[in-house]
Amino acid sequence: MSDEEHHFESKADARASKTYPHQAGTIRKNGYIVIKARPCKVVEVSTSKTDDLRLPIDDSLLSQIKDGFAEGKDLVVSVMNVMGEEQICALKDIGPK
């Protein structure tokens, strides 16, 4: 056996992301998503007509929702429900009422 030491240099950043963004509507049952840097298996995807959702804190999404309702549009929101907490995460305009 040789007494030589071998050193290898990595060209990739060790912090390179192994994830990529997806639209909420593309999430499917038995797929995987990352929440707070942890992988999670999707066990249920459902639709709901919940009327008591809190408005999102994201300014862009919030203004899209408010503007859409002010214009009388029908909007569909995607809601993520994790451990009993619900959050609006996406919006789709399906046209005027």
PDB file of N, CA and C in Angstrom:
ATOM      1  N   MET A   1       0.839  -1.163   0.000  1.00  0.00           N
ATOM      2  CA  MET A   1       0.000   0.000   0.000  1.00  0.00           C
ATOM      3  C   MET A   1       0.891   1.235   0.000  1.00  0.00           C
ATOM      4  N   SER A   2       0.492   2.239  -0.654  1.00  0.00           N
ATOM      5  CA  SER A   2       1.273   3.454  -0.815  1.00  0.00           C
ATOM      6  C   SER A   2       1.029   4.420   0.329  1.00  0.00           C
ATOM      7  N   ASP A   3       2.025   5.252   0.624  1.00  0.00           N
ATOM      8  CA  ASP A   3       1.884   6.273   1.661  1.00  0.00           C
ATOM      9  C   ASP A   3       1.377   7.595   1.092  1.00  0.00           C
ATOM     10  N   GLU A   4       1.052   7.617  -0.191  1.00  0.00           N
ATOM     11  CA  GLU A   4       0.564   8.846  -0.830  1.00  0.00           C
ATOM     12  C   GLU A   4      -0.822   9.208  -0.326  1.00  0.00           C
ATOM     13  N   GLU A   5      -1.070  10.497  -0.259  1.00  0.00           N
ATOM     14  CA  GLU A   5      -2.414  10.959   0.050  1.00  0.00           C
ATOM     15  C   GLU A   5      -3.029  11.510  -1.220  1.00  0.00           C
ATOM     16  N   HIS A   6      -4.259  11.211  -1.424  1.00  0.00           N
ATOM     17  CA  HIS A   6      -4.967  11.720  -2.589  1.00  0.00           C
ATOM     18  C   HIS A   6      -5.970  12.771  -2.131  1.00  0.00           C
ATOM     19  N   HIS A   7      -5.956  13.923  -2.801  1.00  0.00           N
ATOM     20  CA  HIS A   7      -6.893  14.995  -2.490  1.00  0.00           C
ATOM     21  C   HIS A   7      -7.735  15.259  -3.720  1.00  0.00           C
ATOM     22  N   PHE A   8      -9.024  15.335  -3.521  1.00  0.00           N
ATOM     23  CA  PHE A   8      -9.939  15.588  -4.610  1.00  0.00           C
ATOM     24  C   PHE A   8     -10.641  16.917  -4.357  1.00  0.00           C
ATOM     25  N   GLU A   9     -10.747  17.713  -5.402  1.00  0.00           N
ATOM     26  CA  GLU A   9     -11.450  18.980  -5.291  1.00  0.00           C
ATOM     27  C   GLU A   9     -12.801  18.843  -5.971  1.00  0.00           C
ATOM     28  N   SER A  10     -13.806  19.303  -5.283  1.00  0.00           N
ATOM     29  CA  SER A  10     -15.151  19.264  -5.847  1.00  0.00           C
ATOM     30  C   SER A  10     -15.418  20.549  -6.606  1.00  0.00           C
ATOM     31  N   LYS A  11     -15.937  20.418  -7.793  1.00  0.00           N
ATOM     32  CA  LYS A  11     -16.292  21.594  -8.597  1.00  0.00           C
ATOM     33  C   LYS A  11     -17.692  22.099  -8.247  1.00  0.00           C
ATOM     34  N   ALA A  12     -18.511  21.285  -7.592  1.00  0.00           N
ATOM     35  CA  ALA A  12     -19.883  21.670  -7.242  1.00  0.00           C
ATOM     36  C   ALA A  12     -19.909  22.261  -5.839  1.00  0.00           C
ATOM     37  N   ASP A  13     -20.786  23.198  -5.651  1.00  0.00           N
ATOM     38  CA  ASP A  13     -20.982  23.797  -4.338  1.00  0.00           C
ATOM     39  C   ASP A  13     -21.734  22.792  -3.459  1.00  0.00           C
ATOM     40  N   ALA A  14     -21.233  22.561  -2.265  1.00  0.00           N
ATOM     41  CA  ALA A  14     -21.869  21.596  -1.359  1.00  0.00           C
ATOM     42  C   ALA A  14     -23.272  22.035  -0.964  1.00  0.00           C
ATOM     43  N   ARG A  15     -23.573  23.328  -1.131  1.00  0.00           N
ATOM     44  CA  ARG A  15     -24.891  23.828  -0.773  1.00  0.00           C
ATOM     45  C   ARG A  15     -25.832  23.874  -1.974  1.00  0.00           C
ATOM     46  N   ALA A  16     -25.448  23.258  -3.081  1.00  0.00           N
ATOM     47  CA  ALA A  16     -26.291  23.285  -4.285  1.00  0.00           C
ATOM     48  C   ALA A  16     -27.645  22.643  -3.973  1.00  0.00           C
ATOM     49  N   SER A  17     -28.682  23.259  -4.450  1.00  0.00           N
ATOM     50  CA  SER A  17     -30.032  22.775  -4.167  1.00  0.00           C
ATOM     51  C   SER A  17     -30.327  21.488  -4.926  1.00  0.00           C
ATOM     52  N   LYS A  18     -30.978  20.574  -4.249  1.00  0.00           N
ATOM     53  CA  LYS A  18     -31.416  19.329  -4.874  1.00  0.00           C
ATOM     54  C   LYS A  18     -32.917  19.358  -5.103  1.00  0.00           C
ATOM     55  N   THR A  19     -33.503  20.543  -4.982  1.00  0.00           N
ATOM     56  CA  THR A  19     -34.930  20.719  -5.176  1.00  0.00           C
ATOM     57  C   THR A  19     -35.177  21.750  -6.264  1.00  0.00           C
ATOM     58  N   TYR A  20     -36.402  21.812  -6.729  1.00  0.00           N
ATOM     59  CA  TYR A  20     -36.782  22.819  -7.705  1.00  0.00           C
ATOM     60  C   TYR A  20     -38.240  23.177  -7.467  1.00  0.00           C
ATOM     61  N   PRO A  21     -38.632  24.418  -7.786  1.00  0.00           N
ATOM     62  CA  PRO A  21     -40.001  24.849  -7.508  1.00  0.00           C
ATOM     63  C   PRO A  21     -41.025  24.191  -8.420  1.00  0.00           C
ATOM     64  N   HIS A  22     -42.222  23.995  -7.875  1.00  0.00           N
ATOM     65  CA  HIS A  22     -43.370  23.443  -8.612  1.00  0.00           C
ATOM     66  C   HIS A  22     -44.588  24.295  -8.301  1.00  0.00           C
ATOM     67  N   GLN A  23     -45.535  24.325  -9.205  1.00  0.00           N
ATOM     68  CA  GLN A  23     -46.818  24.954  -8.934  1.00  0.00           C
ATOM     69  C   GLN A  23     -47.586  24.055  -7.970  1.00  0.00           C
ATOM     70  N   ALA A  24     -48.352  24.658  -7.082  1.00  0.00           N
ATOM     71  CA  ALA A  24     -49.106  23.872  -6.098  1.00  0.00           C
ATOM     72  C   ALA A  24     -50.050  22.883  -6.766  1.00  0.00           C
ATOM     73  N   GLY A  25     -50.596  23.241  -7.916  1.00  0.00           N
ATOM     74  CA  GLY A  25     -51.533  22.365  -8.607  1.00  0.00           C
ATOM     75  C   GLY A  25     -50.905  21.112  -9.194  1.00  0.00           C
ATOM     76  N   THR A  26     -49.571  21.046  -9.245  1.00  0.00           N
ATOM     77  CA  THR A  26     -48.911  19.862  -9.802  1.00  0.00           C
ATOM     78  C   THR A  26     -48.552  18.836  -8.725  1.00  0.00           C
ATOM     79  N   ILE A  27     -48.809  19.162  -7.465  1.00  0.00           N
ATOM     80  CA  ILE A  27     -48.505  18.234  -6.379  1.00  0.00           C
ATOM     81  C   ILE A  27     -49.499  17.080  -6.425  1.00  0.00           C
ATOM     82  N   ARG A  28     -49.002  15.875  -6.352  1.00  0.00           N
ATOM     83  CA  ARG A  28     -49.847  14.680  -6.449  1.00  0.00           C
ATOM     84  C   ARG A  28     -49.639  13.768  -5.238  1.00  0.00           C
ATOM     85  N   LYS A  29     -50.661  12.996  -4.922  1.00  0.00           N
ATOM     86  CA  LYS A  29     -50.586  12.023  -3.842  1.00  0.00           C
ATOM     87  C   LYS A  29     -49.436  11.055  -4.097  1.00  0.00           C
ATOM     88  N   ASN A  30     -48.733  10.683  -3.035  1.00  0.00           N
ATOM     89  CA  ASN A  30     -47.568   9.789  -3.041  1.00  0.00           C
ATOM     90  C   ASN A  30     -46.324  10.434  -3.645  1.00  0.00           C
ATOM     91  N   GLY A  31     -46.410  11.723  -3.984  1.00  0.00           N
ATOM     92  CA  GLY A  31     -45.232  12.445  -4.424  1.00  0.00           C
ATOM     93  C   GLY A  31     -44.490  12.979  -3.204  1.00  0.00           C
ATOM     94  N   TYR A  32     -43.422  13.713  -3.438  1.00  0.00           N
ATOM     95  CA  TYR A  32     -42.659  14.288  -2.343  1.00  0.00           C
ATOM     96  C   TYR A  32     -42.519  15.788  -2.530  1.00  0.00           C
ATOM     97  N   ILE A  33     -42.590  16.518  -1.425  1.00  0.00           N
ATOM     98  CA  ILE A  33     -42.353  17.952  -1.429  1.00  0.00           C
ATOM     99  C   ILE A  33     -41.396  18.257  -0.278  1.00  0.00           C
ATOM    100  N   VAL A  34     -40.809  19.433  -0.299  1.00  0.00           N
ATOM    101  CA  VAL A  34     -39.909  19.848   0.772  1.00  0.00           C
ATOM    102  C   VAL A  34     -40.556  21.010   1.509  1.00  0.00           C
ATOM    103  N   ILE A  35     -40.721  20.851   2.811  1.00  0.00           N
ATOM    104  CA  ILE A  35     -41.283  21.893   3.664  1.00  0.00           C
ATOM    105  C   ILE A  35     -40.276  22.175   4.773  1.00  0.00           C
ATOM    106  N   LYS A  36     -39.849  23.426   4.859  1.00  0.00           N
ATOM    107  CA  LYS A  36     -38.848  23.838   5.853  1.00  0.00           C
ATOM    108  C   LYS A  36     -37.625  22.932   5.813  1.00  0.00           C
ATOM    109  N   ALA A  37     -37.119  22.707   4.598  1.00  0.00           N
ATOM    110  CA  ALA A  37     -35.895  21.939   4.347  1.00  0.00           C
ATOM    111  C   ALA A  37     -35.998  20.463   4.734  1.00  0.00           C
ATOM    112  N   ARG A  38     -37.200  19.937   4.873  1.00  0.00           N
ATOM    113  CA  ARG A  38     -37.405  18.523   5.204  1.00  0.00           C
ATOM    114  C   ARG A  38     -38.260  17.869   4.130  1.00  0.00           C
ATOM    115  N   PRO A  39     -37.874  16.691   3.631  1.00  0.00           N
ATOM    116  CA  PRO A  39     -38.700  15.998   2.634  1.00  0.00           C
ATOM    117  C   PRO A  39     -39.963  15.433   3.282  1.00  0.00           C
ATOM    118  N   CYS A  40     -41.079  15.593   2.586  1.00  0.00           N
ATOM    119  CA  CYS A  40     -42.365  15.121   3.092  1.00  0.00           C
ATOM    120  C   CYS A  40     -43.102  14.387   1.980  1.00  0.00           C
ATOM    121  N   LYS A  41     -43.676  13.233   2.298  1.00  0.00           N
ATOM    122  CA  LYS A  41     -44.479  12.497   1.332  1.00  0.00           C
ATOM    123  C   LYS A  41     -45.906  13.026   1.371  1.00  0.00           C
ATOM    124  N   VAL A  42     -46.479  13.262   0.201  1.00  0.00           N
ATOM    125  CA  VAL A  42     -47.843  13.762   0.107  1.00  0.00           C
ATOM    126  C   VAL A  42     -48.774  12.568   0.273  1.00  0.00           C
ATOM    127  N   VAL A  43     -49.594  12.598   1.326  1.00  0.00           N
ATOM    128  CA  VAL A  43     -50.495  11.477   1.588  1.00  0.00           C
ATOM    129  C   VAL A  43     -51.935  11.784   1.230  1.00  0.00           C
ATOM    130  N   GLU A  44     -52.255  13.065   1.041  1.00  0.00           N
ATOM    131  CA  GLU A  44     -53.625  13.415   0.698  1.00  0.00           C
ATOM    132  C   GLU A  44     -53.647  14.740  -0.054  1.00  0.00           C
ATOM    133  N   VAL A  45     -54.435  14.789  -1.093  1.00  0.00           N
ATOM    134  CA  VAL A  45     -54.693  16.024  -1.829  1.00  0.00           C
ATOM    135  C   VAL A  45     -56.196  16.122  -1.949  1.00  0.00           C
ATOM    136  N   SER A  46     -56.770  17.251  -1.556  1.00  0.00           N
ATOM    137  CA  SER A  46     -58.222  17.360  -1.609  1.00  0.00           C
ATOM    138  C   SER A  46     -58.648  18.759  -2.032  1.00  0.00           C
ATOM    139  N   THR A  47     -59.881  18.849  -2.471  1.00  0.00           N
ATOM    140  CA  THR A  47     -60.468  20.151  -2.780  1.00  0.00           C
ATOM    141  C   THR A  47     -61.422  20.502  -1.654  1.00  0.00           C
ATOM    142  N   SER A  48     -61.635  21.781  -1.468  1.00  0.00           N
ATOM    143  CA  SER A  48     -62.476  22.229  -0.368  1.00  0.00           C
ATOM    144  C   SER A  48     -63.175  23.520  -0.747  1.00  0.00           C
ATOM    145  N   LYS A  49     -64.263  23.827  -0.069  1.00  0.00           N
ATOM    146  CA  LYS A  49     -64.958  25.096  -0.263  1.00  0.00           C
ATOM    147  C   LYS A  49     -64.907  25.883   1.039  1.00  0.00           C
ATOM    148  N   THR A  50     -63.762  25.796   1.745  1.00  0.00           N
ATOM    149  CA  THR A  50     -63.600  26.479   3.034  1.00  0.00           C
ATOM    150  C   THR A  50     -63.690  27.986   2.845  1.00  0.00           C
ATOM    151  N   ASP A  51     -64.622  28.619   3.552  1.00  0.00           N
ATOM    152  CA  ASP A  51     -64.823  30.063   3.440  1.00  0.00           C
ATOM    153  C   ASP A  51     -64.064  30.865   4.488  1.00  0.00           C
ATOM    154  N   ASP A  52     -63.432  30.229   5.433  1.00  0.00           N
ATOM    155  CA  ASP A  52     -62.824  30.954   6.543  1.00  0.00           C
ATOM    156  C   ASP A  52     -61.299  30.904   6.548  1.00  0.00           C
ATOM    157  N   LEU A  53     -60.680  30.953   5.386  1.00  0.00           N
ATOM    158  CA  LEU A  53     -59.227  30.948   5.313  1.00  0.00           C
ATOM    159  C   LEU A  53     -58.671  32.328   5.628  1.00  0.00           C
ATOM    160  N   ARG A  54     -57.528  32.343   6.297  1.00  0.00           N
ATOM    161  CA  ARG A  54     -56.841  33.616   6.517  1.00  0.00           C
ATOM    162  C   ARG A  54     -56.173  34.029   5.213  1.00  0.00           C
ATOM    163  N   LEU A  55     -56.134  35.324   4.965  1.00  0.00           N
ATOM    164  CA  LEU A  55     -55.481  35.815   3.764  1.00  0.00           C
ATOM    165  C   LEU A  55     -53.978  35.586   3.864  1.00  0.00           C
ATOM    166  N   PRO A  56     -53.320  35.370   2.722  1.00  0.00           N
ATOM    167  CA  PRO A  56     -51.876  35.111   2.750  1.00  0.00           C
ATOM    168  C   PRO A  56     -51.100  36.364   3.151  1.00  0.00           C
ATOM    169  N   ILE A  57     -49.900  36.163   3.675  1.00  0.00           N
ATOM    170  CA  ILE A  57     -49.056  37.298   4.046  1.00  0.00           C
ATOM    171  C   ILE A  57     -48.185  37.753   2.871  1.00  0.00           C
ATOM    172  N   ASP A  58     -48.107  36.952   1.832  1.00  0.00           N
ATOM    173  CA  ASP A  58     -47.365  37.324   0.625  1.00  0.00           C
ATOM    174  C   ASP A  58     -48.099  38.475  -0.061  1.00  0.00           C
ATOM    175  N   ASP A  59     -47.450  39.632  -0.170  1.00  0.00           N
ATOM    176  CA  ASP A  59     -48.098  40.839  -0.710  1.00  0.00           C
ATOM    177  C   ASP A  59     -48.602  40.655  -2.134  1.00  0.00           C
ATOM    178  N   SER A  60     -47.834  39.989  -2.970  1.00  0.00           N
ATOM    179  CA  SER A  60     -48.224  39.799  -4.365  1.00  0.00           C
ATOM    180  C   SER A  60     -49.484  38.947  -4.465  1.00  0.00           C
ATOM    181  N   LEU A  61     -49.497  37.829  -3.772  1.00  0.00           N
ATOM    182  CA  LEU A  61     -50.647  36.926  -3.785  1.00  0.00           C
ATOM    183  C   LEU A  61     -51.869  37.604  -3.155  1.00  0.00           C
ATOM    184  N   LEU A  62     -51.651  38.325  -2.082  1.00  0.00           N
ATOM    185  CA  LEU A  62     -52.740  39.032  -1.414  1.00  0.00           C
ATOM    186  C   LEU A  62     -53.379  40.065  -2.342  1.00  0.00           C
ATOM    187  N   SER A  63     -52.565  40.837  -3.043  1.00  0.00           N
ATOM    188  CA  SER A  63     -53.131  41.856  -3.941  1.00  0.00           C
ATOM    189  C   SER A  63     -53.854  41.218  -5.128  1.00  0.00           C
ATOM    190  N   GLN A  64     -53.376  40.080  -5.625  1.00  0.00           N
ATOM    191  CA  GLN A  64     -54.062  39.374  -6.710  1.00  0.00           C
ATOM    192  C   GLN A  64     -55.446  38.909  -6.260  1.00  0.00           C
ATOM    193  N   ILE A  65     -55.538  38.411  -5.038  1.00  0.00           N
ATOM    194  CA  ILE A  65     -56.824  37.947  -4.509  1.00  0.00           C
ATOM    195  C   ILE A  65     -57.779  39.120  -4.335  1.00  0.00           C
ATOM    196  N   LYS A  66     -57.309  40.193  -3.695  1.00  0.00           N
ATOM    197  CA  LYS A  66     -58.164  41.364  -3.459  1.00  0.00           C
ATOM    198  C   LYS A  66     -58.619  41.988  -4.776  1.00  0.00           C
ATOM    199  N   ASP A  67     -57.696  42.139  -5.731  1.00  0.00           N
ATOM    200  CA  ASP A  67     -58.041  42.727  -7.032  1.00  0.00           C
ATOM    201  C   ASP A  67     -59.049  41.860  -7.782  1.00  0.00           C
ATOM    202  N   GLY A  68     -58.843  40.534  -7.742  1.00  0.00           N
ATOM    203  CA  GLY A  68     -59.749  39.616  -8.424  1.00  0.00           C
ATOM    204  C   GLY A  68     -61.160  39.692  -7.882  1.00  0.00           C
ATOM    205  N   PHE A  69     -61.299  39.717  -6.553  1.00  0.00           N
ATOM    206  CA  PHE A  69     -62.625  39.827  -5.953  1.00  0.00           C
ATOM    207  C   PHE A  69     -63.253  41.184  -6.247  1.00  0.00           C
ATOM    208  N   ALA A  70     -62.448  42.257  -6.230  1.00  0.00           N
ATOM    209  CA  ALA A  70     -62.964  43.599  -6.528  1.00  0.00           C
ATOM    210  C   ALA A  70     -63.494  43.679  -7.958  1.00  0.00           C
ATOM    211  N   GLU A  71     -62.871  42.918  -8.873  1.00  0.00           N
ATOM    212  CA  GLU A  71     -63.297  42.897 -10.273  1.00  0.00           C
ATOM    213  C   GLU A  71     -64.417  41.893 -10.522  1.00  0.00           C
ATOM    214  N   GLY A  72     -64.845  41.179  -9.492  1.00  0.00           N
ATOM    215  CA  GLY A  72     -65.940  40.223  -9.621  1.00  0.00           C
ATOM    216  C   GLY A  72     -65.556  38.920 -10.295  1.00  0.00           C
ATOM    217  N   LYS A  73     -64.296  38.553 -10.251  1.00  0.00           N
ATOM    218  CA  LYS A  73     -63.845  37.313 -10.890  1.00  0.00           C
ATOM    219  C   LYS A  73     -64.061  36.125  -9.959  1.00  0.00           C
ATOM    220  N   ASP A  74     -64.220  34.951 -10.558  1.00  0.00           N
ATOM    221  CA  ASP A  74     -64.221  33.710  -9.794  1.00  0.00           C
ATOM    222  C   ASP A  74     -62.771  33.266  -9.669  1.00  0.00           C
ATOM    223  N   LEU A  75     -62.340  33.040  -8.446  1.00  0.00           N
ATOM    224  CA  LEU A  75     -60.953  32.644  -8.189  1.00  0.00           C
ATOM    225  C   LEU A  75     -60.928  31.290  -7.499  1.00  0.00           C
ATOM    226  N   VAL A  76     -59.954  30.499  -7.839  1.00  0.00           N
ATOM    227  CA  VAL A  76     -59.704  29.225  -7.169  1.00  0.00           C
ATOM    228  C   VAL A  76     -58.353  29.347  -6.500  1.00  0.00           C
ATOM    229  N   VAL A  77     -58.297  29.077  -5.205  1.00  0.00           N
ATOM    230  CA  VAL A  77     -57.024  29.132  -4.493  1.00  0.00           C
ATOM    231  C   VAL A  77     -56.585  27.725  -4.125  1.00  0.00           C
ATOM    232  N   SER A  78     -55.287  27.500  -4.175  1.00  0.00           N
ATOM    233  CA  SER A  78     -54.719  26.236  -3.702  1.00  0.00           C
ATOM    234  C   SER A  78     -54.309  26.445  -2.256  1.00  0.00           C
ATOM    235  N   VAL A  79     -54.700  25.504  -1.418  1.00  0.00           N
ATOM    236  CA  VAL A  79     -54.431  25.619   0.015  1.00  0.00           C
ATOM    237  C   VAL A  79     -53.589  24.439   0.456  1.00  0.00           C
ATOM    238  N   MET A  80     -52.490  24.729   1.137  1.00  0.00           N
ATOM    239  CA  MET A  80     -51.655  23.673   1.699  1.00  0.00           C
ATOM    240  C   MET A  80     -52.061  23.507   3.159  1.00  0.00           C
ATOM    241  N   ASN A  81     -52.330  22.280   3.566  1.00  0.00           N
ATOM    242  CA  ASN A  81     -52.715  21.982   4.933  1.00  0.00           C
ATOM    243  C   ASN A  81     -51.668  21.047   5.507  1.00  0.00           C
ATOM    244  N   VAL A  82     -50.905  21.545   6.468  1.00  0.00           N
ATOM    245  CA  VAL A  82     -49.850  20.750   7.089  1.00  0.00           C
ATOM    246  C   VAL A  82     -50.015  20.817   8.596  1.00  0.00           C
ATOM    247  N   MET A  83     -50.162  19.675   9.217  1.00  0.00           N
ATOM    248  CA  MET A  83     -50.271  19.563  10.667  1.00  0.00           C
ATOM    249  C   MET A  83     -51.340  20.502  11.233  1.00  0.00           C
ATOM    250  N   GLY A  84     -52.484  20.565  10.552  1.00  0.00           N
ATOM    251  CA  GLY A  84     -53.600  21.351  11.031  1.00  0.00           C
ATOM    252  C   GLY A  84     -53.548  22.833  10.701  1.00  0.00           C
ATOM    253  N   GLU A  85     -52.497  23.289  10.029  1.00  0.00           N
ATOM    254  CA  GLU A  85     -52.410  24.695   9.642  1.00  0.00           C
ATOM    255  C   GLU A  85     -52.627  24.814   8.146  1.00  0.00           C
ATOM    256  N   GLU A  86     -53.482  25.770   7.751  1.00  0.00           N
ATOM    257  CA  GLU A  86     -53.787  25.980   6.337  1.00  0.00           C
ATOM    258  C   GLU A  86     -53.151  27.270   5.846  1.00  0.00           C
ATOM    259  N   GLN A  87     -52.670  27.251   4.599  1.00  0.00           N
ATOM    260  CA  GLN A  87     -52.052  28.432   4.001  1.00  0.00           C
ATOM    261  C   GLN A  87     -52.393  28.474   2.524  1.00  0.00           C
ATOM    262  N   ILE A  88     -52.908  29.605   2.051  1.00  0.00           N
ATOM    263  CA  ILE A  88     -53.133  29.775   0.620  1.00  0.00           C
ATOM    264  C   ILE A  88     -51.766  29.897  -0.049  1.00  0.00           C
ATOM    265  N   CYS A  89     -51.522  29.086  -1.064  1.00  0.00           N
ATOM    266  CA  CYS A  89     -50.197  29.087  -1.692  1.00  0.00           C
ATOM    267  C   CYS A  89     -50.238  29.390  -3.176  1.00  0.00           C
ATOM    268  N   ALA A  90     -51.389  29.397  -3.808  1.00  0.00           N
ATOM    269  CA  ALA A  90     -51.476  29.693  -5.234  1.00  0.00           C
ATOM    270  C   ALA A  90     -52.894  30.155  -5.576  1.00  0.00           C
ATOM    271  N   LEU A  91     -53.011  30.794  -6.730  1.00  0.00           N
ATOM    272  CA  LEU A  91     -54.284  31.373  -7.159  1.00  0.00           C
ATOM    273  C   LEU A  91     -54.480  31.134  -8.637  1.00  0.00           C
ATOM    274  N   LYS A  92     -55.730  30.834  -9.026  1.00  0.00           N
ATOM    275  CA  LYS A  92     -56.060  30.674 -10.438  1.00  0.00           C
ATOM    276  C   LYS A  92     -57.341  31.443 -10.722  1.00  0.00           C
ATOM    277  N   ASP A  93     -57.307  32.263 -11.745  1.00  0.00           N
ATOM    278  CA  ASP A  93     -58.471  33.049 -12.175  1.00  0.00           C
ATOM    279  C   ASP A  93     -59.249  32.193 -13.167  1.00  0.00           C
ATOM    280  N   ILE A  94     -60.517  31.866 -12.837  1.00  0.00           N
ATOM    281  CA  ILE A  94     -61.316  31.054 -13.758  1.00  0.00           C
ATOM    282  C   ILE A  94     -62.347  31.904 -14.495  1.00  0.00           C
ATOM    283  N   GLY A  95     -62.173  33.227 -14.447  1.00  0.00           N
ATOM    284  CA  GLY A  95     -63.013  34.099 -15.252  1.00  0.00           C
ATOM    285  C   GLY A  95     -64.018  34.892 -14.444  1.00  0.00           C
ATOM    286  N   PRO A  96     -64.864  35.669 -15.150  1.00  0.00           N
ATOM    287  CA  PRO A  96     -65.878  36.484 -14.464  1.00  0.00           C
ATOM    288  C   PRO A  96     -66.995  35.615 -13.921  1.00  0.00           C
ATOM    289  N   LYS A  97     -67.697  36.133 -12.929  1.00  0.00           N
ATOM    290  CA  LYS A  97     -68.821  35.389 -12.328  1.00  0.00           C
ATOM    291  C   LYS A  97     -69.965  35.296 -13.297  1.00  0.00           C
TER     292      LYS A  97
END
